[in-house]
Amino acid sequence: MNTLAFSAPSIFMAKNKNIIMTALLALFAVAMTFVPDLAYAADMFAEGKQEIIDSTGKDSTLWFSMTAVGLAFALVLGFTTKNWFAAIGGFFIGMIFMNVAAGFIGLA
């Protein structure tokens, strides 16, 4: 017989579960008050923002290469699986994701 199960402290028993969860929630709430306010941090890339947009925006070589690689992958996937709807659909979904993500991060 394993005596390890009988030597567990009573704080971990099922009857004290609500008390433990309440204490952990209170501890978490107190810990969150000590988190620094990072919402007012300075923009580290403010000087180079236009350069970043020029390097990775929709008219850049990076954007073109990502589109070309996605199209090549869709062609390979279509040839190997013979599921052209999934391959072309995956390419279009990838392009939609790239356009939406670029709008969110400010590259559009």
C-alpha atoms as a PDB file:
ATOM      1  CA  MET A   1       0.000   0.000   0.000  1.00  0.00           C
ATOM      2  CA  ASN A   2       1.241   3.453  -0.844  1.00  0.00           C
ATOM      3  CA  THR A   3       1.438   5.619   2.263  1.00  0.00           C
ATOM      4  CA  LEU A   4       2.163   8.758   0.269  1.00  0.00           C
ATOM      5  CA  ALA A   5      -1.557   9.308  -0.359  1.00  0.00           C
ATOM      6  CA  PHE A   6      -2.281   9.212   3.371  1.00  0.00           C
ATOM      7  CA  SER A   7       0.423  11.736   4.240  1.00  0.00           C
ATOM      8  CA  ALA A   8      -0.969  14.593   2.128  1.00  0.00           C
ATOM      9  CA  PRO A   9      -1.750  17.755   4.097  1.00  0.00           C
ATOM     10  CA  SER A  10      -5.409  18.388   4.815  1.00  0.00           C
ATOM     11  CA  ILE A  11      -5.334  21.675   2.875  1.00  0.00           C
ATOM     12  CA  PHE A  12      -5.424  19.682  -0.359  1.00  0.00           C
ATOM     13  CA  MET A  13      -8.505  17.690   0.555  1.00  0.00           C
ATOM     14  CA  ALA A  14     -11.773  18.170  -1.376  1.00  0.00           C
ATOM     15  CA  LYS A  15     -13.619  19.880   1.495  1.00  0.00           C
ATOM     16  CA  ASN A  16     -11.224  22.855   1.367  1.00  0.00           C
ATOM     17  CA  LYS A  17     -11.317  23.256  -2.418  1.00  0.00           C
ATOM     18  CA  ASN A  18     -13.536  26.368  -2.410  1.00  0.00           C
ATOM     19  CA  ILE A  19     -11.366  28.041   0.210  1.00  0.00           C
ATOM     20  CA  ILE A  20      -8.212  27.281  -1.755  1.00  0.00           C
ATOM     21  CA  MET A  21      -9.694  28.590  -5.009  1.00  0.00           C
ATOM     22  CA  THR A  22     -10.873  31.781  -3.301  1.00  0.00           C
ATOM     23  CA  ALA A  23      -7.449  32.316  -1.760  1.00  0.00           C
ATOM     24  CA  LEU A  24      -5.730  31.753  -5.110  1.00  0.00           C
ATOM     25  CA  LEU A  25      -8.108  34.181  -6.820  1.00  0.00           C
ATOM     26  CA  ALA A  26      -7.427  36.798  -4.148  1.00  0.00           C
ATOM     27  CA  LEU A  27      -3.681  36.223  -4.486  1.00  0.00           C
ATOM     28  CA  PHE A  28      -3.948  36.621  -8.260  1.00  0.00           C
ATOM     29  CA  ALA A  29      -5.944  39.858  -7.866  1.00  0.00           C
ATOM     30  CA  VAL A  30      -3.346  41.271  -5.470  1.00  0.00           C
ATOM     31  CA  ALA A  31      -0.530  40.243  -7.820  1.00  0.00           C
ATOM     32  CA  MET A  32      -2.230  42.043 -10.721  1.00  0.00           C
ATOM     33  CA  THR A  33      -2.100  45.320  -8.794  1.00  0.00           C
ATOM     34  CA  PHE A  34       1.689  45.144  -8.881  1.00  0.00           C
ATOM     35  CA  VAL A  35       1.902  44.759 -12.676  1.00  0.00           C
ATOM     36  CA  PRO A  36       3.371  47.953 -14.124  1.00  0.00           C
ATOM     37  CA  ASP A  37       1.259  50.060 -16.424  1.00  0.00           C
ATOM     38  CA  LEU A  38       2.749  49.351 -19.847  1.00  0.00           C
ATOM     39  CA  ALA A  39       0.024  50.989 -21.934  1.00  0.00           C
ATOM     40  CA  TYR A  40       1.884  54.295 -22.005  1.00  0.00           C
ATOM     41  CA  ALA A  41       5.198  52.872 -23.181  1.00  0.00           C
ATOM     42  CA  ALA A  42       7.085  54.778 -25.862  1.00  0.00           C
ATOM     43  CA  ASP A  43       6.965  53.469 -29.420  1.00  0.00           C
ATOM     44  CA  MET A  44      10.435  52.070 -30.035  1.00  0.00           C
ATOM     45  CA  PHE A  45       9.927  51.920 -33.803  1.00  0.00           C
ATOM     46  CA  ALA A  46       8.474  55.405 -34.293  1.00  0.00           C
ATOM     47  CA  GLU A  47      11.520  56.671 -36.218  1.00  0.00           C
ATOM     48  CA  GLY A  48      11.738  53.667 -38.502  1.00  0.00           C
ATOM     49  CA  LYS A  49       8.036  53.031 -39.048  1.00  0.00           C
ATOM     50  CA  GLN A  50       8.043  54.233 -42.656  1.00  0.00           C
ATOM     51  CA  GLU A  51      11.117  52.133 -43.407  1.00  0.00           C
ATOM     52  CA  ILE A  52       9.390  49.071 -41.947  1.00  0.00           C
ATOM     53  CA  ILE A  53       6.303  49.747 -44.065  1.00  0.00           C
ATOM     54  CA  ASP A  54       8.462  50.174 -47.176  1.00  0.00           C
ATOM     55  CA  SER A  55      10.348  46.947 -46.442  1.00  0.00           C
ATOM     56  CA  THR A  56       7.359  44.753 -45.641  1.00  0.00           C
ATOM     57  CA  GLY A  57       4.339  46.529 -47.133  1.00  0.00           C
ATOM     58  CA  LYS A  58       2.192  45.381 -50.040  1.00  0.00           C
ATOM     59  CA  ASP A  59       4.556  46.812 -52.665  1.00  0.00           C
ATOM     60  CA  SER A  60       7.666  45.139 -51.251  1.00  0.00           C
ATOM     61  CA  THR A  61       9.693  42.187 -52.435  1.00  0.00           C
ATOM     62  CA  LEU A  62       8.891  40.351 -49.208  1.00  0.00           C
ATOM     63  CA  TRP A  63       5.154  40.556 -49.890  1.00  0.00           C
ATOM     64  CA  PHE A  64       5.673  39.349 -53.473  1.00  0.00           C
ATOM     65  CA  SER A  65       7.875  36.463 -52.358  1.00  0.00           C
ATOM     66  CA  MET A  66       5.356  35.363 -49.713  1.00  0.00           C
ATOM     67  CA  THR A  67       2.633  35.405 -52.363  1.00  0.00           C
ATOM     68  CA  ALA A  68       4.808  33.445 -54.819  1.00  0.00           C
ATOM     69  CA  VAL A  69       5.760  30.844 -52.200  1.00  0.00           C
ATOM     70  CA  GLY A  70       2.104  30.472 -51.192  1.00  0.00           C
ATOM     71  CA  LEU A  71       1.101  29.965 -54.818  1.00  0.00           C
ATOM     72  CA  ALA A  72       3.907  27.445 -55.376  1.00  0.00           C
ATOM     73  CA  PHE A  73       2.881  25.547 -52.260  1.00  0.00           C
ATOM     74  CA  ALA A  74      -0.744  25.517 -53.446  1.00  0.00           C
ATOM     75  CA  LEU A  75       0.372  24.105 -56.811  1.00  0.00           C
ATOM     76  CA  VAL A  76       2.468  21.385 -55.164  1.00  0.00           C
ATOM     77  CA  LEU A  77      -0.374  20.548 -52.794  1.00  0.00           C
ATOM     78  CA  GLY A  78      -2.843  20.414 -55.674  1.00  0.00           C
ATOM     79  CA  PHE A  79      -0.637  18.110 -57.743  1.00  0.00           C
ATOM     80  CA  THR A  80       0.197  15.755 -54.879  1.00  0.00           C
ATOM     81  CA  THR A  81      -3.244  15.440 -53.296  1.00  0.00           C
ATOM     82  CA  LYS A  82      -5.399  16.019 -56.404  1.00  0.00           C
ATOM     83  CA  ASN A  83      -7.593  18.168 -54.186  1.00  0.00           C
ATOM     84  CA  TRP A  84      -7.484  21.403 -56.145  1.00  0.00           C
ATOM     85  CA  PHE A  85     -10.335  23.020 -54.239  1.00  0.00           C
ATOM     86  CA  ALA A  86      -8.448  22.726 -50.956  1.00  0.00           C
ATOM     87  CA  ALA A  87      -5.168  23.883 -52.496  1.00  0.00           C
ATOM     88  CA  ILE A  88      -6.608  26.952 -54.209  1.00  0.00           C
ATOM     89  CA  GLY A  89      -8.900  27.647 -51.250  1.00  0.00           C
ATOM     90  CA  GLY A  90      -5.930  27.488 -48.889  1.00  0.00           C
ATOM     91  CA  PHE A  91      -4.053  29.948 -51.077  1.00  0.00           C
ATOM     92  CA  PHE A  92      -6.971  32.384 -51.095  1.00  0.00           C
ATOM     93  CA  ILE A  93      -7.468  32.044 -47.343  1.00  0.00           C
ATOM     94  CA  GLY A  94      -3.755  32.730 -46.854  1.00  0.00           C
ATOM     95  CA  MET A  95      -3.975  35.859 -49.004  1.00  0.00           C
ATOM     96  CA  ILE A  96      -7.035  37.076 -47.099  1.00  0.00           C
ATOM     97  CA  PHE A  97      -5.224  36.445 -43.814  1.00  0.00           C
ATOM     98  CA  MET A  98      -2.160  38.373 -45.029  1.00  0.00           C
ATOM     99  CA  ASN A  99      -4.290  41.350 -46.089  1.00  0.00           C
ATOM    100  CA  VAL A 100      -6.281  41.435 -42.850  1.00  0.00           C
ATOM    101  CA  ALA A 101      -3.161  41.002 -40.702  1.00  0.00           C
ATOM    102  CA  ALA A 102      -1.368  43.754 -42.635  1.00  0.00           C
ATOM    103  CA  GLY A 103      -4.275  46.077 -41.928  1.00  0.00           C
ATOM    104  CA  PHE A 104      -4.174  45.284 -38.221  1.00  0.00           C
ATOM    105  CA  ILE A 105      -0.448  45.878 -37.811  1.00  0.00           C
ATOM    106  CA  GLY A 106      -0.384  48.981 -39.985  1.00  0.00           C
ATOM    107  CA  LEU A 107       1.289  47.739 -43.154  1.00  0.00           C
ATOM    108  CA  ALA A 108      -1.663  48.368 -45.447  1.00  0.00           C
END
